[in-house]
């Protein structure tokens, strides 16, 4: 059986969700096979990506994703995400049918059509 961790409104805080998953696994609660983020993932690679985010200015921040994109960090579990209303849309528009945004992290695309 595949064990899926479903999260939403990650807002670029990947380190936090992966730390929570690691803690739960250490405590023997469960082993996660897949993370599914249901929007507001915020795949911000660089400061210019911030200019394509539709959020109040006080929420403009890089978050953790850039380290995964630059391969300084690696997602410990396969992570899939769909876009939300607070995304770095400039980057995601480059991948209308989805694709790898970082090692082990897959954007499901504008049309959420994957084969």
N, C-alpha and C. Protein backbone atom coordinates (compact mmCIF):
# COMPACT_ATOMS: atom_id res chain seq x y z
N UNK A 1 0.84 -1.17 0.00
CA UNK A 1 0.00 0.00 0.00
C UNK A 1 0.90 1.24 0.00
N UNK A 2 0.58 2.19 -0.85
CA UNK A 2 1.32 3.46 -0.92
C UNK A 2 0.80 4.40 0.15
N UNK A 3 1.70 4.94 0.95
CA UNK A 3 1.31 5.88 2.00
C UNK A 3 1.61 7.29 1.53
N UNK A 4 0.56 8.10 1.42
CA UNK A 4 0.65 9.45 0.88
C UNK A 4 0.46 10.47 1.99
N UNK A 5 1.36 11.43 2.06
CA UNK A 5 1.22 12.56 2.97
C UNK A 5 0.65 13.71 2.14
N UNK A 6 -0.55 14.17 2.46
CA UNK A 6 -1.20 15.24 1.72
C UNK A 6 -1.06 16.53 2.51
N UNK A 7 -0.52 17.56 1.85
CA UNK A 7 -0.33 18.86 2.49
C UNK A 7 -0.87 19.95 1.57
N UNK A 8 -1.14 21.09 2.12
CA UNK A 8 -1.57 22.23 1.33
C UNK A 8 -0.93 23.49 1.88
N UNK A 9 -0.90 24.50 1.06
CA UNK A 9 -0.36 25.81 1.47
C UNK A 9 1.03 25.68 2.08
N UNK A 10 1.91 25.04 1.35
CA UNK A 10 3.28 24.84 1.81
C UNK A 10 4.07 26.15 1.85
N UNK A 11 3.74 27.07 0.96
CA UNK A 11 4.36 28.40 0.91
C UNK A 11 5.89 28.35 0.94
N UNK A 12 6.45 27.41 0.19
CA UNK A 12 7.90 27.34 0.05
C UNK A 12 8.64 26.75 1.24
N UNK A 13 7.92 26.24 2.23
CA UNK A 13 8.55 25.71 3.45
C UNK A 13 8.74 24.20 3.36
N UNK A 14 9.51 23.76 2.39
CA UNK A 14 9.72 22.33 2.18
C UNK A 14 10.46 21.69 3.35
N UNK A 15 11.47 22.39 3.88
CA UNK A 15 12.24 21.82 4.99
C UNK A 15 11.34 21.43 6.15
N UNK A 16 10.34 22.24 6.44
CA UNK A 16 9.44 21.97 7.57
C UNK A 16 8.64 20.69 7.35
N UNK A 17 8.06 20.54 6.16
CA UNK A 17 7.25 19.34 5.92
C UNK A 17 8.12 18.08 5.91
N UNK A 18 9.31 18.16 5.33
CA UNK A 18 10.18 16.99 5.32
C UNK A 18 10.68 16.66 6.73
N UNK A 19 10.90 17.66 7.55
CA UNK A 19 11.30 17.43 8.95
C UNK A 19 10.17 16.75 9.72
N UNK A 20 8.94 17.20 9.51
CA UNK A 20 7.78 16.58 10.18
C UNK A 20 7.62 15.12 9.76
N UNK A 21 7.82 14.85 8.48
CA UNK A 21 7.72 13.48 7.99
C UNK A 21 8.82 12.62 8.62
N UNK A 22 10.04 13.14 8.67
CA UNK A 22 11.16 12.39 9.27
C UNK A 22 10.89 12.10 10.74
N UNK A 23 10.34 13.07 11.45
CA UNK A 23 10.03 12.88 12.87
C UNK A 23 8.98 11.79 13.06
N UNK A 24 7.93 11.82 12.25
CA UNK A 24 6.88 10.80 12.34
C UNK A 24 7.45 9.42 12.03
N UNK A 25 8.34 9.34 11.06
CA UNK A 25 8.95 8.06 10.71
C UNK A 25 9.85 7.56 11.84
N UNK A 26 10.60 8.47 12.46
CA UNK A 26 11.48 8.10 13.59
C UNK A 26 10.67 7.55 14.75
N UNK A 27 9.50 8.12 14.97
CA UNK A 27 8.64 7.67 16.06
C UNK A 27 7.89 6.39 15.71
N UNK A 28 8.11 5.90 14.51
CA UNK A 28 7.48 4.65 14.10
C UNK A 28 6.02 4.79 13.72
N UNK A 29 5.56 6.02 13.49
CA UNK A 29 4.15 6.23 13.17
C UNK A 29 3.81 5.72 11.78
N UNK A 30 4.65 6.01 10.81
CA UNK A 30 4.41 5.57 9.43
C UNK A 30 5.63 5.88 8.58
N UNK A 31 5.69 5.28 7.43
CA UNK A 31 6.72 5.57 6.42
C UNK A 31 5.99 6.19 5.23
N UNK A 32 6.40 7.38 4.83
CA UNK A 32 5.76 8.09 3.73
C UNK A 32 6.40 7.69 2.41
N UNK A 33 5.55 7.34 1.44
CA UNK A 33 6.03 6.97 0.10
C UNK A 33 5.93 8.13 -0.88
N UNK A 34 5.02 9.07 -0.61
CA UNK A 34 4.73 10.13 -1.56
C UNK A 34 4.16 11.33 -0.82
N UNK A 35 4.60 12.53 -1.20
CA UNK A 35 4.00 13.77 -0.68
C UNK A 35 3.20 14.39 -1.82
N UNK A 36 1.96 14.77 -1.53
CA UNK A 36 1.11 15.46 -2.49
C UNK A 36 0.75 16.82 -1.91
N UNK A 37 1.20 17.88 -2.57
CA UNK A 37 0.89 19.25 -2.13
C UNK A 37 -0.23 19.78 -3.02
N UNK A 38 -1.30 20.17 -2.38
CA UNK A 38 -2.52 20.59 -3.08
C UNK A 38 -2.61 22.10 -3.25
N UNK A 39 -1.54 22.73 -3.65
CA UNK A 39 -1.57 24.16 -3.95
C UNK A 39 -0.71 25.00 -3.04
N UNK A 40 -0.39 26.20 -3.52
CA UNK A 40 0.47 27.15 -2.82
C UNK A 40 1.81 26.53 -2.42
N UNK A 41 2.40 25.81 -3.36
CA UNK A 41 3.71 25.19 -3.17
C UNK A 41 4.81 26.25 -3.17
N UNK A 42 4.71 27.22 -4.06
CA UNK A 42 5.64 28.34 -4.22
C UNK A 42 7.05 27.90 -4.61
N UNK A 43 7.16 27.46 -5.85
CA UNK A 43 8.44 27.06 -6.43
C UNK A 43 9.21 28.30 -6.87
N UNK A 44 9.78 29.01 -5.91
CA UNK A 44 10.52 30.25 -6.16
C UNK A 44 12.00 29.92 -6.28
N UNK A 45 12.55 30.10 -7.48
CA UNK A 45 13.95 29.77 -7.75
C UNK A 45 14.91 30.90 -7.45
N UNK A 46 14.43 32.14 -7.63
CA UNK A 46 15.32 33.31 -7.54
C UNK A 46 14.47 34.56 -7.30
N UNK A 47 15.11 35.68 -7.00
CA UNK A 47 14.35 36.91 -6.72
C UNK A 47 13.41 37.33 -7.86
N UNK A 48 13.77 37.08 -9.11
CA UNK A 48 12.86 37.51 -10.18
C UNK A 48 11.59 36.67 -10.21
N UNK A 49 11.62 35.44 -9.71
CA UNK A 49 10.39 34.65 -9.60
C UNK A 49 9.40 35.31 -8.64
N UNK A 50 9.93 36.01 -7.64
CA UNK A 50 9.04 36.69 -6.69
C UNK A 50 8.15 37.72 -7.39
N UNK A 51 8.63 38.30 -8.47
CA UNK A 51 7.84 39.33 -9.17
C UNK A 51 6.65 38.73 -9.89
N UNK A 52 6.61 37.39 -10.04
CA UNK A 52 5.47 36.75 -10.71
C UNK A 52 4.48 36.15 -9.71
N UNK A 53 4.71 36.40 -8.41
CA UNK A 53 3.79 35.89 -7.39
C UNK A 53 2.74 36.94 -7.06
N UNK A 54 1.50 36.50 -6.99
CA UNK A 54 0.40 37.39 -6.64
C UNK A 54 0.09 37.22 -5.15
N UNK A 55 0.86 37.92 -4.33
CA UNK A 55 0.67 37.90 -2.88
C UNK A 55 0.93 39.30 -2.35
N UNK A 56 0.38 39.63 -1.18
CA UNK A 56 0.74 40.92 -0.57
C UNK A 56 2.25 41.00 -0.37
N UNK A 57 2.82 42.17 -0.52
CA UNK A 57 4.28 42.34 -0.49
C UNK A 57 4.93 41.79 0.78
N UNK A 58 4.23 41.79 1.89
CA UNK A 58 4.83 41.27 3.12
C UNK A 58 5.09 39.76 3.05
N UNK A 59 4.51 39.08 2.06
CA UNK A 59 4.72 37.64 1.90
C UNK A 59 5.75 37.28 0.84
N UNK A 60 6.36 38.29 0.22
CA UNK A 60 7.41 38.00 -0.77
C UNK A 60 8.65 37.51 -0.04
N UNK A 61 8.95 36.23 -0.21
CA UNK A 61 10.17 35.66 0.37
C UNK A 61 10.55 34.42 -0.41
N UNK A 62 11.79 34.08 -0.36
CA UNK A 62 12.31 32.99 -1.16
C UNK A 62 11.84 31.61 -0.70
N UNK A 63 11.72 31.40 0.59
CA UNK A 63 11.39 30.06 1.06
C UNK A 63 12.56 29.11 0.85
N UNK A 64 12.29 27.80 0.92
CA UNK A 64 13.33 26.77 0.83
C UNK A 64 13.51 26.21 -0.57
N UNK A 65 12.52 26.36 -1.44
CA UNK A 65 12.54 25.65 -2.72
C UNK A 65 13.81 25.88 -3.52
N UNK A 66 14.34 27.09 -3.51
CA UNK A 66 15.50 27.41 -4.35
C UNK A 66 16.67 26.46 -4.09
N UNK A 67 16.82 25.99 -2.84
CA UNK A 67 17.91 25.06 -2.51
C UNK A 67 17.69 23.69 -3.18
N UNK A 68 16.43 23.30 -3.30
CA UNK A 68 16.12 22.03 -3.97
C UNK A 68 16.33 22.19 -5.48
N UNK A 69 15.94 23.34 -6.01
CA UNK A 69 16.13 23.63 -7.43
C UNK A 69 17.62 23.66 -7.78
N UNK A 70 18.43 24.26 -6.91
CA UNK A 70 19.88 24.37 -7.11
C UNK A 70 20.62 23.07 -6.75
N UNK A 71 19.86 22.07 -6.31
CA UNK A 71 20.39 20.77 -5.91
C UNK A 71 21.32 20.85 -4.71
N UNK A 72 21.11 21.85 -3.86
CA UNK A 72 21.81 21.93 -2.58
C UNK A 72 21.11 21.05 -1.55
N UNK A 73 19.81 20.82 -1.77
CA UNK A 73 19.01 19.91 -0.94
C UNK A 73 18.29 18.97 -1.89
N UNK A 74 17.86 17.84 -1.36
CA UNK A 74 17.11 16.88 -2.18
C UNK A 74 15.88 16.41 -1.40
N UNK A 75 14.75 16.40 -2.06
CA UNK A 75 13.52 15.91 -1.43
C UNK A 75 13.73 14.45 -1.04
N UNK A 76 13.52 14.09 0.23
CA UNK A 76 13.76 12.72 0.66
C UNK A 76 12.68 11.74 0.21
N UNK A 77 11.58 12.27 -0.29
CA UNK A 77 10.48 11.43 -0.75
C UNK A 77 9.90 12.09 -2.00
N UNK A 78 9.43 11.27 -2.95
CA UNK A 78 8.83 11.81 -4.16
C UNK A 78 7.72 12.79 -3.79
N UNK A 79 7.77 13.99 -4.36
CA UNK A 79 6.83 15.05 -4.05
C UNK A 79 6.16 15.52 -5.33
N UNK A 80 4.83 15.50 -5.33
CA UNK A 80 4.03 15.99 -6.46
C UNK A 80 3.25 17.21 -5.98
N UNK A 81 3.08 18.19 -6.87
CA UNK A 81 2.26 19.33 -6.46
C UNK A 81 1.47 19.89 -7.62
N UNK A 82 0.34 20.51 -7.26
CA UNK A 82 -0.48 21.26 -8.21
C UNK A 82 -0.34 22.73 -7.82
N UNK A 83 -0.56 23.60 -8.78
CA UNK A 83 -0.47 25.04 -8.51
C UNK A 83 -1.66 25.53 -7.71
N UNK A 84 -1.43 26.61 -7.00
CA UNK A 84 -2.49 27.26 -6.24
C UNK A 84 -2.61 28.71 -6.67
N UNK A 85 -3.27 29.50 -5.85
CA UNK A 85 -3.46 30.91 -6.20
C UNK A 85 -2.30 31.80 -5.76
N UNK A 86 -1.33 31.26 -5.05
CA UNK A 86 -0.15 32.02 -4.62
C UNK A 86 1.11 31.30 -5.09
N UNK A 87 1.33 31.29 -6.38
CA UNK A 87 2.48 30.59 -6.97
C UNK A 87 3.39 31.57 -7.69
N UNK A 88 4.63 31.14 -7.92
CA UNK A 88 5.55 31.87 -8.81
C UNK A 88 5.15 31.46 -10.23
N UNK A 89 4.12 32.10 -10.73
CA UNK A 89 3.48 31.64 -11.97
C UNK A 89 4.39 31.73 -13.19
N UNK A 90 5.36 32.63 -13.19
CA UNK A 90 6.26 32.73 -14.33
C UNK A 90 6.99 31.43 -14.59
N UNK A 91 7.48 30.79 -13.53
CA UNK A 91 8.18 29.52 -13.67
C UNK A 91 7.22 28.42 -14.08
N UNK A 92 6.09 28.32 -13.42
CA UNK A 92 5.16 27.22 -13.70
C UNK A 92 4.57 27.32 -15.10
N UNK A 93 4.47 28.53 -15.65
CA UNK A 93 3.98 28.67 -17.02
C UNK A 93 4.95 28.08 -18.03
N UNK A 94 6.20 27.91 -17.65
CA UNK A 94 7.18 27.26 -18.52
C UNK A 94 6.91 25.76 -18.64
N UNK A 95 6.08 25.23 -17.74
CA UNK A 95 5.80 23.79 -17.68
C UNK A 95 4.29 23.54 -17.71
N UNK A 96 3.58 23.92 -18.77
CA UNK A 96 2.12 23.79 -18.77
C UNK A 96 1.63 22.36 -18.60
N UNK A 97 2.41 21.39 -19.05
CA UNK A 97 2.02 19.99 -18.91
C UNK A 97 2.72 19.30 -17.75
N UNK A 98 3.40 20.08 -16.94
CA UNK A 98 4.09 19.54 -15.79
C UNK A 98 5.53 19.16 -16.11
N UNK A 99 6.22 18.73 -15.08
CA UNK A 99 7.60 18.30 -15.25
C UNK A 99 8.37 18.38 -13.95
N UNK A 100 9.60 17.91 -14.00
CA UNK A 100 10.48 17.96 -12.83
C UNK A 100 10.90 19.40 -12.60
N UNK A 101 10.69 19.90 -11.39
CA UNK A 101 11.14 21.25 -11.04
C UNK A 101 12.41 21.20 -10.20
N UNK A 102 12.69 20.04 -9.66
CA UNK A 102 13.90 19.76 -8.88
C UNK A 102 13.97 18.24 -8.75
N UNK A 103 15.14 17.70 -8.41
CA UNK A 103 15.20 16.25 -8.23
C UNK A 103 14.16 15.77 -7.21
N UNK A 104 13.37 14.80 -7.63
CA UNK A 104 12.34 14.18 -6.78
C UNK A 104 11.13 15.07 -6.52
N UNK A 105 10.99 16.18 -7.26
CA UNK A 105 9.82 17.07 -7.10
C UNK A 105 9.20 17.29 -8.48
N UNK A 106 7.94 16.92 -8.63
CA UNK A 106 7.23 16.96 -9.92
C UNK A 106 6.04 17.91 -9.83
N UNK A 107 6.00 18.87 -10.76
CA UNK A 107 4.84 19.75 -10.91
C UNK A 107 3.86 19.05 -11.84
N UNK A 108 2.60 18.95 -11.44
CA UNK A 108 1.62 18.20 -12.21
C UNK A 108 1.06 18.96 -13.41
N UNK A 109 1.42 20.21 -13.54
CA UNK A 109 1.04 20.96 -14.74
C UNK A 109 -0.25 21.73 -14.61
N UNK A 110 -0.41 22.65 -15.53
CA UNK A 110 -1.59 23.50 -15.58
C UNK A 110 -2.85 22.68 -15.85
N UNK A 111 -2.69 21.64 -16.63
CA UNK A 111 -3.83 20.83 -17.03
C UNK A 111 -3.96 19.55 -16.20
N UNK A 112 -3.03 19.35 -15.27
CA UNK A 112 -2.97 18.16 -14.42
C UNK A 112 -3.20 16.90 -15.26
N UNK A 113 -2.44 16.83 -16.33
CA UNK A 113 -2.53 15.69 -17.24
C UNK A 113 -1.15 15.07 -17.33
N UNK A 114 -1.01 13.90 -16.77
CA UNK A 114 0.27 13.21 -16.79
C UNK A 114 0.06 11.78 -17.28
N UNK A 115 1.02 11.29 -18.03
CA UNK A 115 0.92 9.92 -18.53
C UNK A 115 2.17 9.15 -18.21
